All heavy atoms as atom14 arrays in JSON, in Angstrom:
{
  "sequence": "ARTEVDARHPDLAEVERRTIASQIAVGALRYFMLRYT",
  "atom14_mask": [
    [1, 1, 1, 1, 1, 0, 0, 0, 0, 0, 0, 0, 0, 0],
    [1, 1, 1, 1, 1, 1, 1, 1, 1, 1, 1, 0, 0, 0],
    [1, 1, 1, 1, 1, 1, 1, 0, 0, 0, 0, 0, 0, 0],
    [1, 1, 1, 1, 1, 1, 1, 1, 1, 0, 0, 0, 0, 0],
    [1, 1, 1, 1, 1, 1, 1, 0, 0, 0, 0, 0, 0, 0],
    [1, 1, 1, 1, 1, 1, 1, 1, 0, 0, 0, 0, 0, 0],
    [1, 1, 1, 1, 1, 0, 0, 0, 0, 0, 0, 0, 0, 0],
    [1, 1, 1, 1, 1, 1, 1, 1, 1, 1, 1, 0, 0, 0],
    [1, 1, 1, 1, 1, 1, 1, 1, 1, 1, 0, 0, 0, 0],
    [1, 1, 1, 1, 1, 1, 1, 0, 0, 0, 0, 0, 0, 0],
    [1, 1, 1, 1, 1, 1, 1, 1, 0, 0, 0, 0, 0, 0],
    [1, 1, 1, 1, 1, 1, 1, 1, 0, 0, 0, 0, 0, 0],
    [1, 1, 1, 1, 1, 0, 0, 0, 0, 0, 0, 0, 0, 0],
    [1, 1, 1, 1, 1, 1, 1, 1, 1, 0, 0, 0, 0, 0],
    [1, 1, 1, 1, 1, 1, 1, 0, 0, 0, 0, 0, 0, 0],
    [1, 1, 1, 1, 1, 1, 1, 1, 1, 0, 0, 0, 0, 0],
    [1, 1, 1, 1, 1, 1, 1, 1, 1, 1, 1, 0, 0, 0],
    [1, 1, 1, 1, 1, 1, 1, 1, 1, 1, 1, 0, 0, 0],
    [1, 1, 1, 1, 1, 1, 1, 0, 0, 0, 0, 0, 0, 0],
    [1, 1, 1, 1, 1, 1, 1, 1, 0, 0, 0, 0, 0, 0],
    [1, 1, 1, 1, 1, 0, 0, 0, 0, 0, 0, 0, 0, 0],
    [1, 1, 1, 1, 1, 1, 0, 0, 0, 0, 0, 0, 0, 0],
    [1, 1, 1, 1, 1, 1, 1, 1, 1, 0, 0, 0, 0, 0],
    [1, 1, 1, 1, 1, 1, 1, 1, 0, 0, 0, 0, 0, 0],
    [1, 1, 1, 1, 1, 0, 0, 0, 0, 0, 0, 0, 0, 0],
    [1, 1, 1, 1, 1, 1, 1, 0, 0, 0, 0, 0, 0, 0],
    [1, 1, 1, 1, 0, 0, 0, 0, 0, 0, 0, 0, 0, 0],
    [1, 1, 1, 1, 1, 0, 0, 0, 0, 0, 0, 0, 0, 0],
    [1, 1, 1, 1, 1, 1, 1, 1, 0, 0, 0, 0, 0, 0],
    [1, 1, 1, 1, 1, 1, 1, 1, 1, 1, 1, 0, 0, 0],
    [1, 1, 1, 1, 1, 1, 1, 1, 1, 1, 1, 1, 0, 0],
    [1, 1, 1, 1, 1, 1, 1, 1, 1, 1, 1, 0, 0, 0],
    [1, 1, 1, 1, 1, 1, 1, 1, 0, 0, 0, 0, 0, 0],
    [1, 1, 1, 1, 1, 1, 1, 1, 0, 0, 0, 0, 0, 0],
    [1, 1, 1, 1, 1, 1, 1, 1, 1, 1, 1, 0, 0, 0],
    [1, 1, 1, 1, 1, 1, 1, 1, 1, 1, 1, 1, 0, 0],
    [1, 1, 1, 1, 1, 1, 1, 0, 0, 0, 0, 0, 0, 0]
  ],
  "atom14_positions": [
    [[-6.18, -4.85, -6.89], [-5.45, -4.13, -7.94], [-5.01, -5.08, -9.04], [-5.04, -4.74, -10.23], [-4.25, -3.41, -7.33], [0.0, 0.0, 0.0], [0.0, 0.0, 0.0], [0.0, 0.0, 0.0], [0.0, 0.0, 0.0], [0.0, 0.0, 0.0], [0.0, 0.0, 0.0], [0.0, 0.0, 0.0], [0.0, 0.0, 0.0], [0.0, 0.0, 0.0]],
    [[-4.6, -6.3, -8.65], [-4.14, -7.28, -9.63], [-5.25, -7.66, -10.6], [-5.02, -7.84, -11.81], [-3.62, -8.51, -8.9], [-3.13, -9.62, -9.8], [-1.94, -9.19, -10.67], [-1.59, -10.22, -11.62], [-0.7, -11.18, -11.37], [-0.08, -11.23, -10.2], [-0.42, -12.07, -12.3], [0.0, 0.0, 0.0], [0.0, 0.0, 0.0], [0.0, 0.0, 0.0]],
    [[-6.46, -7.77, -10.1], [-7.6, -8.09, -10.97], [-7.75, -7.03, -12.05], [-7.97, -7.35, -13.23], [-8.89, -8.18, -10.13], [-8.76, -9.22, -9.16], [-10.09, -8.46, -11.02], [0.0, 0.0, 0.0], [0.0, 0.0, 0.0], [0.0, 0.0, 0.0], [0.0, 0.0, 0.0], [0.0, 0.0, 0.0], [0.0, 0.0, 0.0], [0.0, 0.0, 0.0]],
    [[-7.61, -5.77, -11.67], [-7.73, -4.67, -12.63], [-6.57, -4.67, -13.61], [-6.75, -4.48, -14.82], [-7.79, -3.34, -11.87], [-8.07, -2.13, -12.74], [-9.49, -2.09, -13.27], [-10.37, -2.73, -12.66], [-9.73, -1.42, -14.29], [0.0, 0.0, 0.0], [0.0, 0.0, 0.0], [0.0, 0.0, 0.0], [0.0, 0.0, 0.0], [0.0, 0.0, 0.0]],
    [[-5.36, -4.89, -13.11], [-4.17, -4.89, -13.97], [-4.24, -6.04, -14.97], [-3.93, -5.88, -16.15], [-2.88, -4.98, -13.12], [-1.65, -5.19, -14.02], [-2.71, -3.72, -12.29], [0.0, 0.0, 0.0], [0.0, 0.0, 0.0], [0.0, 0.0, 0.0], [0.0, 0.0, 0.0], [0.0, 0.0, 0.0], [0.0, 0.0, 0.0], [0.0, 0.0, 0.0]],
    [[-4.64, -7.22, -14.5], [-4.75, -8.37, -15.4], [-5.75, -8.12, -16.52], [-5.53, -8.53, -17.68], [-5.18, -9.61, -14.62], [-4.07, -10.18, -13.74], [-2.91, -9.75, -13.91], [-4.37, -11.02, -12.88], [0.0, 0.0, 0.0], [0.0, 0.0, 0.0], [0.0, 0.0, 0.0], [0.0, 0.0, 0.0], [0.0, 0.0, 0.0], [0.0, 0.0, 0.0]],
    [[-6.85, -7.44, -16.19], [-7.88, -7.16, -17.2], [-7.38, -6.14, -18.23], [-7.69, -6.25, -19.42], [-9.14, -6.64, -16.52], [0.0, 0.0, 0.0], [0.0, 0.0, 0.0], [0.0, 0.0, 0.0], [0.0, 0.0, 0.0], [0.0, 0.0, 0.0], [0.0, 0.0, 0.0], [0.0, 0.0, 0.0], [0.0, 0.0, 0.0], [0.0, 0.0, 0.0]],
    [[-6.59, -5.18, -17.77], [-6.12, -4.11, -18.67], [-4.87, -4.5, -19.45], [-4.66, -4.03, -20.57], [-5.83, -2.84, -17.87], [-7.05, -2.19, -17.24], [-6.69, -0.87, -16.61], [-7.85, -0.21, -16.01], [-7.99, 1.1, -15.86], [-7.03, 1.9, -16.28], [-9.06, 1.6, -15.29], [0.0, 0.0, 0.0], [0.0, 0.0, 0.0], [0.0, 0.0, 0.0]],
    [[-4.02, -5.32, -18.85], [-2.73, -5.63, -19.49], [-2.43, -7.13, -19.44], [-1.44, -7.57, -18.84], [-1.6, -4.86, -18.79], [-1.78, -3.38, -18.82], [-1.62, -2.62, -19.96], [-2.11, -2.51, -17.82], [-1.85, -1.34, -19.67], [-2.15, -1.26, -18.39], [0.0, 0.0, 0.0], [0.0, 0.0, 0.0], [0.0, 0.0, 0.0], [0.0, 0.0, 0.0]],
    [[-3.26, -7.95, -20.08], [-3.01, -9.41, -20.07], [-1.73, -9.77, -20.81], [-1.2, -10.88, -20.63], [-4.25, -9.98, -20.77], [-4.75, -8.85, -21.64], [-4.46, -7.6, -20.87], [0.0, 0.0, 0.0], [0.0, 0.0, 0.0], [0.0, 0.0, 0.0], [0.0, 0.0, 0.0], [0.0, 0.0, 0.0], [0.0, 0.0, 0.0], [0.0, 0.0, 0.0]],
    [[-1.21, -8.85, -21.63], [-0.01, -9.11, -22.42], [1.27, -8.99, -21.61], [2.32, -9.5, -22.03], [0.06, -8.13, -23.59], [0.0, -6.68, -23.13], [-0.9, -6.36, -22.32], [0.85, -5.87, -23.56], [0.0, 0.0, 0.0], [0.0, 0.0, 0.0], [0.0, 0.0, 0.0], [0.0, 0.0, 0.0], [0.0, 0.0, 0.0], [0.0, 0.0, 0.0]],
    [[1.22, -8.33, -20.45], [2.42, -8.11, -19.66], [2.85, -9.39, -18.95], [2.03, -10.26, -18.63], [2.19, -7.02, -18.61], [1.98, -5.59, -19.13], [1.76, -4.64, -17.95], [3.17, -5.13, -19.96], [0.0, 0.0, 0.0], [0.0, 0.0, 0.0], [0.0, 0.0, 0.0], [0.0, 0.0, 0.0], [0.0, 0.0, 0.0], [0.0, 0.0, 0.0]],
    [[4.14, -9.49, -18.68], [4.67, -10.65, -17.97], [4.14, -10.67, -16.54], [3.76, -9.64, -15.98], [6.2, -10.59, -17.96], [0.0, 0.0, 0.0], [0.0, 0.0, 0.0], [0.0, 0.0, 0.0], [0.0, 0.0, 0.0], [0.0, 0.0, 0.0], [0.0, 0.0, 0.0], [0.0, 0.0, 0.0], [0.0, 0.0, 0.0], [0.0, 0.0, 0.0]],
    [[4.14, -11.86, -15.97], [3.62, -12.06, -14.61], [4.3, -11.13, -13.6], [3.64, -10.5, -12.79], [3.82, -13.52, -14.21], [3.76, -13.82, -12.71], [2.36, -13.72, -12.15], [1.39, -13.76, -12.95], [2.24, -13.61, -10.92], [0.0, 0.0, 0.0], [0.0, 0.0, 0.0], [0.0, 0.0, 0.0], [0.0, 0.0, 0.0], [0.0, 0.0, 0.0]],
    [[5.62, -11.05, -13.66], [6.35, -10.24, -12.69], [5.99, -8.76, -12.83], [5.91, -8.03, -11.83], [7.88, -10.47, -12.83], [8.4, -9.96, -14.18], [8.61, -9.79, -11.69], [0.0, 0.0, 0.0], [0.0, 0.0, 0.0], [0.0, 0.0, 0.0], [0.0, 0.0, 0.0], [0.0, 0.0, 0.0], [0.0, 0.0, 0.0], [0.0, 0.0, 0.0]],
    [[5.76, -8.3, -14.05], [5.39, -6.9, -14.27], [4.01, -6.61, -13.69], [3.81, -5.58, -13.03], [5.41, -6.57, -15.77], [6.78, -6.51, -16.39], [6.71, -6.12, -17.86], [6.71, -4.91, -18.16], [6.63, -7.03, -18.71], [0.0, 0.0, 0.0], [0.0, 0.0, 0.0], [0.0, 0.0, 0.0], [0.0, 0.0, 0.0], [0.0, 0.0, 0.0]],
    [[3.07, -7.51, -13.95], [1.72, -7.29, -13.42], [1.71, -7.34, -11.89], [1.0, -6.57, -11.25], [0.76, -8.36, -13.99], [0.35, -8.08, -15.44], [-0.58, -9.14, -15.98], [0.14, -10.37, -16.31], [-0.34, -11.59, -16.17], [-1.55, -11.77, -15.64], [0.37, -12.65, -16.52], [0.0, 0.0, 0.0], [0.0, 0.0, 0.0], [0.0, 0.0, 0.0]],
    [[2.51, -8.23, -11.32], [2.59, -8.31, -9.86], [3.19, -7.02, -9.28], [2.71, -6.5, -8.27], [3.43, -9.53, -9.46], [3.46, -9.76, -7.96], [4.06, -11.11, -7.59], [5.45, -11.22, -8.01], [5.88, -12.06, -8.94], [5.03, -12.84, -9.58], [7.17, -12.13, -9.24], [0.0, 0.0, 0.0], [0.0, 0.0, 0.0], [0.0, 0.0, 0.0]],
    [[4.22, -6.5, -9.93], [4.86, -5.27, -9.45], [3.91, -4.09, -9.54], [3.8, -3.3, -8.6], [6.13, -4.98, -10.27], [7.07, -6.05, -10.09], [6.77, -3.67, -9.82], [0.0, 0.0, 0.0], [0.0, 0.0, 0.0], [0.0, 0.0, 0.0], [0.0, 0.0, 0.0], [0.0, 0.0, 0.0], [0.0, 0.0, 0.0], [0.0, 0.0, 0.0]],
    [[3.23, -3.97, -10.66], [2.3, -2.85, -10.85], [1.17, -2.92, -9.83], [0.8, -1.91, -9.23], [1.73, -2.85, -12.29], [2.84, -2.51, -13.29], [0.58, -1.86, -12.42], [2.43, -2.71, -14.74], [0.0, 0.0, 0.0], [0.0, 0.0, 0.0], [0.0, 0.0, 0.0], [0.0, 0.0, 0.0], [0.0, 0.0, 0.0], [0.0, 0.0, 0.0]],
    [[0.63, -4.12, -9.61], [-0.46, -4.28, -8.64], [0.0, -3.88, -7.24], [-0.74, -3.21, -6.5], [-0.97, -5.72, -8.63], [0.0, 0.0, 0.0], [0.0, 0.0, 0.0], [0.0, 0.0, 0.0], [0.0, 0.0, 0.0], [0.0, 0.0, 0.0], [0.0, 0.0, 0.0], [0.0, 0.0, 0.0], [0.0, 0.0, 0.0], [0.0, 0.0, 0.0]],
    [[1.21, -4.25, -6.88], [1.74, -3.89, -5.56], [1.93, -2.38, -5.45], [1.6, -1.78, -4.42], [3.07, -4.61, -5.33], [3.61, -4.25, -4.08], [0.0, 0.0, 0.0], [0.0, 0.0, 0.0], [0.0, 0.0, 0.0], [0.0, 0.0, 0.0], [0.0, 0.0, 0.0], [0.0, 0.0, 0.0], [0.0, 0.0, 0.0], [0.0, 0.0, 0.0]],
    [[2.45, -1.75, -6.5], [2.64, -0.29, -6.48], [1.31, 0.45, -6.35], [1.21, 1.44, -5.62], [3.38, 0.15, -7.75], [4.84, -0.29, -7.79], [5.48, -0.02, -9.13], [4.83, -0.05, -10.19], [6.78, 0.25, -9.12], [0.0, 0.0, 0.0], [0.0, 0.0, 0.0], [0.0, 0.0, 0.0], [0.0, 0.0, 0.0], [0.0, 0.0, 0.0]],
    [[0.3, -0.04, -7.05], [-1.02, 0.59, -6.96], [-1.6, 0.41, -5.57], [-2.13, 1.36, -4.97], [-1.97, 0.01, -8.02], [-1.52, 0.41, -9.43], [-3.4, 0.5, -7.78], [-2.28, -0.3, -10.54], [0.0, 0.0, 0.0], [0.0, 0.0, 0.0], [0.0, 0.0, 0.0], [0.0, 0.0, 0.0], [0.0, 0.0, 0.0], [0.0, 0.0, 0.0]],
    [[-1.49, -0.79, -5.02], [-2.06, -1.07, -3.69], [-1.38, -0.26, -2.61], [-2.04, 0.35, -1.75], [-1.94, -2.57, -3.39], [0.0, 0.0, 0.0], [0.0, 0.0, 0.0], [0.0, 0.0, 0.0], [0.0, 0.0, 0.0], [0.0, 0.0, 0.0], [0.0, 0.0, 0.0], [0.0, 0.0, 0.0], [0.0, 0.0, 0.0], [0.0, 0.0, 0.0]],
    [[-0.06, -0.24, -2.63], [0.68, 0.54, -1.63], [0.37, 2.03, -1.8], [0.19, 2.75, -0.81], [2.2, 0.28, -1.75], [2.99, 1.25, -0.89], [2.52, -1.15, -1.33], [0.0, 0.0, 0.0], [0.0, 0.0, 0.0], [0.0, 0.0, 0.0], [0.0, 0.0, 0.0], [0.0, 0.0, 0.0], [0.0, 0.0, 0.0], [0.0, 0.0, 0.0]],
    [[0.32, 2.48, -3.05], [-0.02, 3.89, -3.29], [-1.4, 4.23, -2.79], [-1.62, 5.3, -2.19], [0.0, 0.0, 0.0], [0.0, 0.0, 0.0], [0.0, 0.0, 0.0], [0.0, 0.0, 0.0], [0.0, 0.0, 0.0], [0.0, 0.0, 0.0], [0.0, 0.0, 0.0], [0.0, 0.0, 0.0], [0.0, 0.0, 0.0], [0.0, 0.0, 0.0]],
    [[-2.36, 3.32, -3.01], [-3.72, 3.56, -2.55], [-3.78, 3.65, -1.03], [-4.42, 4.54, -0.46], [-4.64, 2.44, -3.04], [0.0, 0.0, 0.0], [0.0, 0.0, 0.0], [0.0, 0.0, 0.0], [0.0, 0.0, 0.0], [0.0, 0.0, 0.0], [0.0, 0.0, 0.0], [0.0, 0.0, 0.0], [0.0, 0.0, 0.0], [0.0, 0.0, 0.0]],
    [[-3.1, 2.71, -0.37], [-3.12, 2.67, 1.09], [-2.41, 3.88, 1.7], [-2.96, 4.54, 2.59], [-2.47, 1.38, 1.58], [-2.36, 1.19, 3.09], [-3.73, 1.26, 3.75], [-1.67, -0.13, 3.42], [0.0, 0.0, 0.0], [0.0, 0.0, 0.0], [0.0, 0.0, 0.0], [0.0, 0.0, 0.0], [0.0, 0.0, 0.0], [0.0, 0.0, 0.0]],
    [[-1.19, 4.17, 1.23], [-0.45, 5.29, 1.81], [-1.18, 6.6, 1.56], [-1.28, 7.45, 2.47], [0.97, 5.34, 1.24], [1.88, 4.21, 1.75], [3.33, 4.45, 1.4], [3.85, 5.62, 2.08], [4.95, 5.62, 2.85], [5.63, 4.5, 3.06], [5.36, 6.73, 3.42], [0.0, 0.0, 0.0], [0.0, 0.0, 0.0], [0.0, 0.0, 0.0]],
    [[-1.69, 6.79, 0.36], [-2.38, 8.05, 0.08], [-3.64, 8.2, 0.93], [-3.92, 9.28, 1.45], [-2.74, 8.17, -1.41], [-3.18, 9.57, -1.78], [-2.28, 10.49, -2.27], [-4.51, 9.97, -1.59], [-2.67, 11.79, -2.58], [-4.91, 11.25, -1.89], [-3.99, 12.16, -2.39], [-4.4, 13.44, -2.66], [0.0, 0.0, 0.0], [0.0, 0.0, 0.0]],
    [[-4.37, 7.11, 1.08], [-5.6, 7.17, 1.88], [-5.3, 7.58, 3.31], [-6.04, 8.36, 3.92], [-6.31, 5.81, 1.86], [-7.76, 5.87, 2.27], [-8.75, 6.1, 1.33], [-8.14, 5.72, 3.59], [-10.09, 6.16, 1.69], [-9.47, 5.78, 3.98], [-10.45, 6.0, 3.02], [0.0, 0.0, 0.0], [0.0, 0.0, 0.0], [0.0, 0.0, 0.0]],
    [[-4.2, 7.08, 3.86], [-3.82, 7.42, 5.23], [-3.3, 8.84, 5.35], [-3.31, 9.42, 6.44], [-2.74, 6.45, 5.73], [-3.23, 5.02, 5.91], [-4.45, 4.89, 7.24], [-4.77, 3.12, 7.22], [0.0, 0.0, 0.0], [0.0, 0.0, 0.0], [0.0, 0.0, 0.0], [0.0, 0.0, 0.0], [0.0, 0.0, 0.0], [0.0, 0.0, 0.0]],
    [[-2.84, 9.42, 4.24], [-2.22, 10.75, 4.28], [-3.14, 11.86, 3.82], [-2.87, 13.04, 4.1], [-0.96, 10.75, 3.41], [0.2, 9.89, 3.92], [1.25, 9.7, 2.83], [0.82, 10.51, 5.16], [0.0, 0.0, 0.0], [0.0, 0.0, 0.0], [0.0, 0.0, 0.0], [0.0, 0.0, 0.0], [0.0, 0.0, 0.0], [0.0, 0.0, 0.0]],
    [[-4.2, 11.54, 3.11], [-5.05, 12.6, 2.54], [-5.84, 13.34, 3.61], [-6.24, 14.49, 3.41], [-6.01, 12.03, 1.5], [-7.0, 11.03, 2.05], [-7.99, 10.55, 1.01], [-9.05, 11.53, 0.8], [-10.21, 11.27, 0.19], [-10.43, 10.06, -0.29], [-11.12, 12.2, 0.05], [0.0, 0.0, 0.0], [0.0, 0.0, 0.0], [0.0, 0.0, 0.0]],
    [[-6.05, 12.72, 4.75], [-6.81, 13.34, 5.83], [-5.84, 14.03, 6.81], [-4.77, 13.5, 7.11], [-7.62, 12.3, 6.6], [-8.62, 11.57, 5.74], [-8.31, 10.33, 5.18], [-9.87, 12.11, 5.48], [-9.23, 9.65, 4.39], [-10.8, 11.44, 4.69], [-10.47, 10.22, 4.15], [-11.38, 9.56, 3.35], [0.0, 0.0, 0.0], [0.0, 0.0, 0.0]],
    [[-6.23, 15.19, 7.3], [-5.41, 15.85, 8.31], [-5.35, 14.98, 9.55], [-6.23, 14.16, 9.8], [-5.97, 17.24, 8.66], [-7.34, 17.11, 9.05], [-5.86, 18.19, 7.48], [0.0, 0.0, 0.0], [0.0, 0.0, 0.0], [0.0, 0.0, 0.0], [0.0, 0.0, 0.0], [0.0, 0.0, 0.0], [0.0, 0.0, 0.0], [0.0, 0.0, 0.0]]
  ]
}
């Protein structure tokens, strides 16, 4: 996720990009585990 965030938002501060990457990763993982019955 960080690779994608860095490519899209190189202007953002390091801490912001790290936070966004973590939110995307956790969201991806939790949703993947929950989307299936």
